[in-house]
C-alpha atoms as a PDB file:
ATOM      1  CA  MET A   1     112.236-128.575  14.462  1.00  0.00           C
ATOM      2  CA  LEU A   2     108.864-130.174  14.957  1.00  0.00           C
ATOM      3  CA  LEU A   3     106.217-129.617  12.351  1.00  0.00           C
ATOM      4  CA  ARG A   4     102.790-128.870  13.709  1.00  0.00           C
ATOM      5  CA  LYS A   5      99.543-129.130  11.857  1.00  0.00           C
ATOM      6  CA  THR A   6      97.481-125.985  11.917  1.00  0.00           C
ATOM      7  CA  TYR A   7      93.992-125.402  10.687  1.00  0.00           C
ATOM      8  CA  GLN A   8      92.999-122.496   8.513  1.00  0.00           C
ATOM      9  CA  ALA A   9      89.463-121.942   7.383  1.00  0.00           C
ATOM     10  CA  LYS A  10      88.967-122.077   3.640  1.00  0.00           C
ATOM     11  CA  MET A  11      86.877-119.844   1.437  1.00  0.00           C
ATOM     12  CA  SER A  12      84.661-122.142  -0.592  1.00  0.00           C
ATOM     13  CA  GLY A  13      83.101-120.921  -3.818  1.00  0.00           C
ATOM     14  CA  PRO A  14      81.227-117.635  -3.783  1.00  0.00           C
ATOM     15  CA  HIS A  15      80.875-117.902  -0.005  1.00  0.00           C
ATOM     16  CA  PHE A  16      83.463-116.606   2.392  1.00  0.00           C
ATOM     17  CA  PHE A  17      82.749-119.527   4.730  1.00  0.00           C
ATOM     18  CA  GLU A  18      82.559-123.296   4.680  1.00  0.00           C
ATOM     19  CA  THR A  19      78.969-124.254   3.958  1.00  0.00           C
ATOM     20  CA  LYS A  20      79.174-127.835   5.251  1.00  0.00           C
ATOM     21  CA  GLY A  21      81.123-129.744   7.833  1.00  0.00           C
ATOM     22  CA  PRO A  22      82.004-129.168  11.476  1.00  0.00           C
ATOM     23  CA  ASN A  23      83.054-125.576  10.858  1.00  0.00           C
ATOM     24  CA  ALA A  24      79.876-124.537   9.067  1.00  0.00           C
ATOM     25  CA  PRO A  25      78.246-121.470  10.615  1.00  0.00           C
ATOM     26  CA  LYS A  26      75.613-121.986  13.296  1.00  0.00           C
ATOM     27  CA  TRP A  27      72.640-119.808  14.143  1.00  0.00           C
ATOM     28  CA  PHE A  28      72.445-118.161  17.568  1.00  0.00           C
ATOM     29  CA  ILE A  29      69.818-115.955  19.174  1.00  0.00           C
ATOM     30  CA  VAL A  30      70.539-113.102  21.595  1.00  0.00           C
ATOM     31  CA  ASP A  31      68.033-111.152  23.674  1.00  0.00           C
ATOM     32  CA  ALA A  32      69.126-107.510  23.879  1.00  0.00           C
ATOM     33  CA  LYS A  33      66.643-106.532  26.582  1.00  0.00           C
ATOM     34  CA  ASP A  34      68.339-104.414  29.295  1.00  0.00           C
ATOM     35  CA  GLN A  35      71.799-104.938  27.760  1.00  0.00           C
ATOM     36  CA  VAL A  36      74.311-102.102  27.503  1.00  0.00           C
ATOM     37  CA  VAL A  37      74.868-101.269  23.819  1.00  0.00           C
ATOM     38  CA  GLY A  38      78.667-101.218  23.803  1.00  0.00           C
ATOM     39  CA  ARG A  39      79.110-104.372  25.859  1.00  0.00           C
ATOM     40  CA  LEU A  40      76.592-106.265  23.765  1.00  0.00           C
ATOM     41  CA  ALA A  41      78.163-105.012  20.541  1.00  0.00           C
ATOM     42  CA  THR A  42      81.563-106.439  21.513  1.00  0.00           C
ATOM     43  CA  VAL A  43      80.020-109.873  21.976  1.00  0.00           C
ATOM     44  CA  LEU A  44      78.104-109.662  18.700  1.00  0.00           C
ATOM     45  CA  ALA A  45      81.176-108.502  16.776  1.00  0.00           C
ATOM     46  CA  ARG A  46      83.288-111.363  18.135  1.00  0.00           C
ATOM     47  CA  VAL A  47      80.695-113.947  17.106  1.00  0.00           C
ATOM     48  CA  ILE A  48      80.048-112.706  13.556  1.00  0.00           C
ATOM     49  CA  ILE A  49      83.800-112.343  12.949  1.00  0.00           C
ATOM     50  CA  GLY A  50      84.441-115.807  14.382  1.00  0.00           C
ATOM     51  CA  LYS A  51      86.931-114.970  17.124  1.00  0.00           C
ATOM     52  CA  HIS A  52      85.038-117.176  19.557  1.00  0.00           C
ATOM     53  CA  LYS A  53      86.044-120.279  17.563  1.00  0.00           C
ATOM     54  CA  THR A  54      89.342-122.107  17.636  1.00  0.00           C
ATOM     55  CA  THR A  55      89.337-122.136  13.828  1.00  0.00           C
ATOM     56  CA  PHE A  56      89.470-118.333  13.529  1.00  0.00           C
ATOM     57  CA  THR A  57      91.305-117.159  10.425  1.00  0.00           C
ATOM     58  CA  ARG A  58      91.591-113.483   9.533  1.00  0.00           C
ATOM     59  CA  HIS A  59      91.183-113.791   5.770  1.00  0.00           C
ATOM     60  CA  ALA A  60      88.171-116.153   5.823  1.00  0.00           C
ATOM     61  CA  ASP A  61      84.727-115.859   7.338  1.00  0.00           C
ATOM     62  CA  SER A  62      84.540-118.350  10.181  1.00  0.00           C
ATOM     63  CA  GLY A  63      81.809-116.554  12.149  1.00  0.00           C
ATOM     64  CA  ASP A  64      78.259-117.549  12.947  1.00  0.00           C
ATOM     65  CA  PHE A  65      74.837-116.088  12.222  1.00  0.00           C
ATOM     66  CA  LEU A  66      73.216-114.007  14.958  1.00  0.00           C
ATOM     67  CA  VAL A  67      69.566-113.122  15.495  1.00  0.00           C
ATOM     68  CA  VAL A  68      69.174-110.241  17.948  1.00  0.00           C
ATOM     69  CA  ILE A  69      65.692-109.628  19.355  1.00  0.00           C
ATOM     70  CA  ASN A  70      64.336-106.775  21.511  1.00  0.00           C
ATOM     71  CA  ALA A  71      66.776-104.238  20.056  1.00  0.00           C
ATOM     72  CA  ASP A  72      64.388-101.457  21.089  1.00  0.00           C
ATOM     73  CA  LYS A  73      65.012-102.281  24.765  1.00  0.00           C
ATOM     74  CA  VAL A  74      68.781-101.686  24.849  1.00  0.00           C
ATOM     75  CA  VAL A  75      70.229 -99.206  27.318  1.00  0.00           C
ATOM     76  CA  PHE A  76      73.094 -96.742  27.384  1.00  0.00           C
ATOM     77  CA  THR A  77      75.173 -95.792  30.390  1.00  0.00           C
ATOM     78  CA  ARG A  78      75.257 -92.268  31.798  1.00  0.00           C
ATOM     79  CA  ASN A  79      73.793 -89.471  29.649  1.00  0.00           C
ATOM     80  CA  LYS A  80      74.332 -91.017  26.210  1.00  0.00           C
ATOM     81  CA  TRP A  81      70.634 -90.926  25.293  1.00  0.00           C
ATOM     82  CA  ASP A  82      70.966 -87.162  24.808  1.00  0.00           C
ATOM     83  CA  GLY A  83      74.737 -86.813  24.378  1.00  0.00           C
ATOM     84  CA  LYS A  84      75.527 -89.466  21.755  1.00  0.00           C
ATOM     85  CA  LEU A  85      75.070 -88.209  18.215  1.00  0.00           C
ATOM     86  CA  TYR A  86      74.618 -90.223  15.030  1.00  0.00           C
ATOM     87  CA  ARG A  87      75.710 -88.325  11.928  1.00  0.00           C
ATOM     88  CA  ASP A  88      74.776 -89.031   8.302  1.00  0.00           C
ATOM     89  CA  HIS A  89      75.622 -87.001   5.239  1.00  0.00           C
ATOM     90  CA  THR A  90      73.440 -86.759   2.149  1.00  0.00           C
ATOM     91  CA  GLY A  91      76.355 -85.951  -0.156  1.00  0.00           C
ATOM     92  CA  TYR A  92      75.172 -82.431  -0.882  1.00  0.00           C
ATOM     93  CA  ILE A  93      76.541 -79.183   0.507  1.00  0.00           C
ATOM     94  CA  SER A  94      75.381 -78.684   4.117  1.00  0.00           C
ATOM     95  CA  GLY A  95      73.747 -82.099   4.019  1.00  0.00           C
ATOM     96  CA  LEU A  96      74.827 -83.213   7.484  1.00  0.00           C
ATOM     97  CA  LYS A  97      71.963 -84.870   9.375  1.00  0.00           C
ATOM     98  CA  THR A  98      72.451 -85.361  13.117  1.00  0.00           C
ATOM     99  CA  LYS A  99      70.255 -87.436  15.426  1.00  0.00           C
ATOM    100  CA  THR A 100      70.580 -88.180  19.129  1.00  0.00           C
ATOM    101  CA  ALA A 101      70.439 -91.714  20.441  1.00  0.00           C
ATOM    102  CA  LYS A 102      66.931 -91.076  21.777  1.00  0.00           C
ATOM    103  CA  GLU A 103      65.681 -90.031  18.321  1.00  0.00           C
ATOM    104  CA  MET A 104      67.448 -93.002  16.763  1.00  0.00           C
ATOM    105  CA  LEU A 105      65.713 -95.381  19.197  1.00  0.00           C
ATOM    106  CA  ILE A 106      62.326 -93.997  18.166  1.00  0.00           C
ATOM    107  CA  ARG A 107      62.942 -94.104  14.397  1.00  0.00           C
ATOM    108  CA  HIS A 108      65.376 -96.994  13.819  1.00  0.00           C
ATOM    109  CA  PRO A 109      66.106 -99.011  16.993  1.00  0.00           C
ATOM    110  CA  GLU A 110      67.956-101.719  15.031  1.00  0.00           C
ATOM    111  CA  GLU A 111      70.417 -99.200  13.626  1.00  0.00           C
ATOM    112  CA  ILE A 112      71.872 -98.422  17.069  1.00  0.00           C
ATOM    113  CA  LEU A 113      73.250-101.946  17.468  1.00  0.00           C
ATOM    114  CA  ARG A 114      74.176-102.292  13.798  1.00  0.00           C
ATOM    115  CA  ARG A 115      76.350 -99.168  13.906  1.00  0.00           C
ATOM    116  CA  ALA A 116      77.948-100.203  17.190  1.00  0.00           C
ATOM    117  CA  VAL A 117      78.916-103.610  15.776  1.00  0.00           C
ATOM    118  CA  TRP A 118      80.124-102.083  12.488  1.00  0.00           C
ATOM    119  CA  GLY A 119      82.412 -99.798  14.496  1.00  0.00           C
ATOM    120  CA  MET A 120      84.086-102.873  16.007  1.00  0.00           C
ATOM    121  CA  THR A 121      84.882-104.610  12.720  1.00  0.00           C
ATOM    122  CA  ASN A 122      87.548-104.010  10.100  1.00  0.00           C
ATOM    123  CA  LYS A 123      86.292-101.856   7.267  1.00  0.00           C
ATOM    124  CA  THR A 124      86.827-104.415   4.476  1.00  0.00           C
ATOM    125  CA  SER A 125      84.717-106.329   2.000  1.00  0.00           C
ATOM    126  CA  LEU A 126      84.935-109.349   4.308  1.00  0.00           C
ATOM    127  CA  ALA A 127      83.508-107.301   7.178  1.00  0.00           C
ATOM    128  CA  ARG A 128      80.666-106.073   4.971  1.00  0.00           C
ATOM    129  CA  HIS A 129      79.899-109.708   4.175  1.00  0.00           C
ATOM    130  CA  GLN A 130      80.076-110.647   7.870  1.00  0.00           C
ATOM    131  CA  MET A 131      77.649-107.859   8.788  1.00  0.00           C
ATOM    132  CA  LYS A 132      75.035-109.545   6.600  1.00  0.00           C
ATOM    133  CA  LYS A 133      75.043-112.413   9.099  1.00  0.00           C
ATOM    134  CA  LEU A 134      73.777-110.093  11.841  1.00  0.00           C
ATOM    135  CA  LYS A 135      69.956-110.033  11.892  1.00  0.00           C
ATOM    136  CA  ILE A 136      68.530-107.408  14.264  1.00  0.00           C
ATOM    137  CA  TYR A 137      64.830-107.039  15.133  1.00  0.00           C
ATOM    138  CA  ALA A 138      63.110-104.471  17.355  1.00  0.00           C
ATOM    139  CA  GLY A 139      60.495-106.842  18.738  1.00  0.00           C
ATOM    140  CA  ALA A 140      60.530-110.336  20.179  1.00  0.00           C
ATOM    141  CA  GLU A 141      59.490-112.060  16.920  1.00  0.00           C
ATOM    142  CA  HIS A 142      61.828-112.981  14.093  1.00  0.00           C
ATOM    143  CA  PRO A 143      61.427-114.867  10.779  1.00  0.00           C
ATOM    144  CA  HIS A 144      64.397-117.233  11.335  1.00  0.00           C
ATOM    145  CA  ILE A 145      62.568-119.961  13.236  1.00  0.00           C
ATOM    146  CA  SER A 146      63.283-122.537  10.521  1.00  0.00           C
ATOM    147  CA  GLN A 147      67.046-122.168  11.145  1.00  0.00           C
ATOM    148  CA  VAL A 148      66.467-123.258  14.780  1.00  0.00           C
ATOM    149  CA  PRO A 149      68.740-120.689  16.464  1.00  0.00           C
ATOM    150  CA  GLN A 150      70.283-121.731  19.767  1.00  0.00           C
ATOM    151  CA  THR A 151      71.070-119.452  22.677  1.00  0.00           C
ATOM    152  CA  LEU A 152      74.574-118.074  22.619  1.00  0.00           C
ATOM    153  CA  PRO A 153      76.985-120.130  24.768  1.00  0.00           C
ATOM    154  CA  LEU A 154      78.140-118.525  28.014  1.00  0.00           C
ATOM    155  CA  ALA A 155      81.758-118.681  26.871  1.00  0.00           C
ATOM    156  CA  ALA A 156      80.986-116.110  24.162  1.00  0.00           C
ATOM    157  CA  THR A 157      78.795-113.771  26.221  1.00  0.00           C
ATOM    158  CA  ARG A 158      79.408-111.243  28.929  1.00  0.00           C
ATOM    159  CA  ARG A 159      77.630-111.757  32.202  1.00  0.00           C
ATOM    160  CA  THR A 160      76.690-108.156  32.994  1.00  0.00           C
ATOM    161  CA  VAL A 161      73.079-107.044  32.918  1.00  0.00           C
ATOM    162  CA  VAL A 162      71.729-103.616  33.765  1.00  0.00           C
ATOM    163  CA  GLY A 163      69.154-103.719  36.519  1.00  0.00           C
ATOM    164  CA  ALA A 164      70.982-106.324  38.579  1.00  0.00           C
ATOM    165  CA  ALA A 165      72.692-103.862  40.905  1.00  0.00           C
ATOM    166  CA  PRO A 166      75.843-105.068  42.630  1.00  0.00           C
ATOM    167  CA  LYS A 167      75.498-105.616  46.353  1.00  0.00           C
ATOM    168  CA  SER A 168      77.453-103.132  48.428  1.00  0.00           C
ATOM    169  CA  LYS A 169      78.349-103.266  52.077  1.00  0.00           C
ATOM    170  CA  LYS A 170      76.912 -99.804  52.797  1.00  0.00           C
ATOM    171  CA  ALA A 171      73.362-100.591  51.683  1.00  0.00           C
ATOM    172  CA  PRO A 172      72.299-102.540  54.829  1.00  0.00           C
ATOM    173  CA  LYS A 173      73.598 -99.786  57.150  1.00  0.00           C
ATOM    174  CA  VAL A 174      71.574 -97.105  55.359  1.00  0.00           C
ATOM    175  CA  ALA A 175      68.467 -99.275  55.553  1.00  0.00           C
ATOM    176  CA  ALA A 176      69.006 -99.858  59.264  1.00  0.00           C
ATOM    177  CA  LYS A 177      69.325 -96.109  59.970  1.00  0.00           C
ATOM    178  CA  SER A 178      66.148 -95.272  58.035  1.00  0.00           C
ATOM    179  CA  ALA A 179      64.241 -98.042  59.845  1.00  0.00           C
ATOM    180  CA  ALA A 180      65.303 -96.651  63.257  1.00  0.00           C
ATOM    181  CA  LYS A 181      63.783 -93.230  62.521  1.00  0.00           C
END
């Protein structure tokens, strides 16, 4: 039987990730403008967990840092602005607080993406540590300029954007009929 060398990421010191070397975490920036929340959250979760790397190891943090800008310009599909509910409980009797996605966008636009990404991670102490590497900002400015974040590589992103409607074959025929009238 042939022995193969495999690589497993190591937890070094108080960090869950390697602080130096080729597998050290990188900083990436993502623009959330006109992105669907669920589709964007899958990409963000994969990057902070580290599944986009060949050195992915479940028990160690091999993910990268993410800076998400324009979180207040995300979109939902269908009627989720009024139908999706975010529930919090105060801990007291009848302390259930419910907000719609529209109310959440007005009060805490960053929390929409944060909760979507948290729902796609394992609920462990490692995942709580990985969530700290996700920096979400409502506007276009962020304080992480000194880390020189790069744009996320295309291999890790999805290529769907709301607003870029797919071309259908029926659209030119409808336009031709309306022009004839």
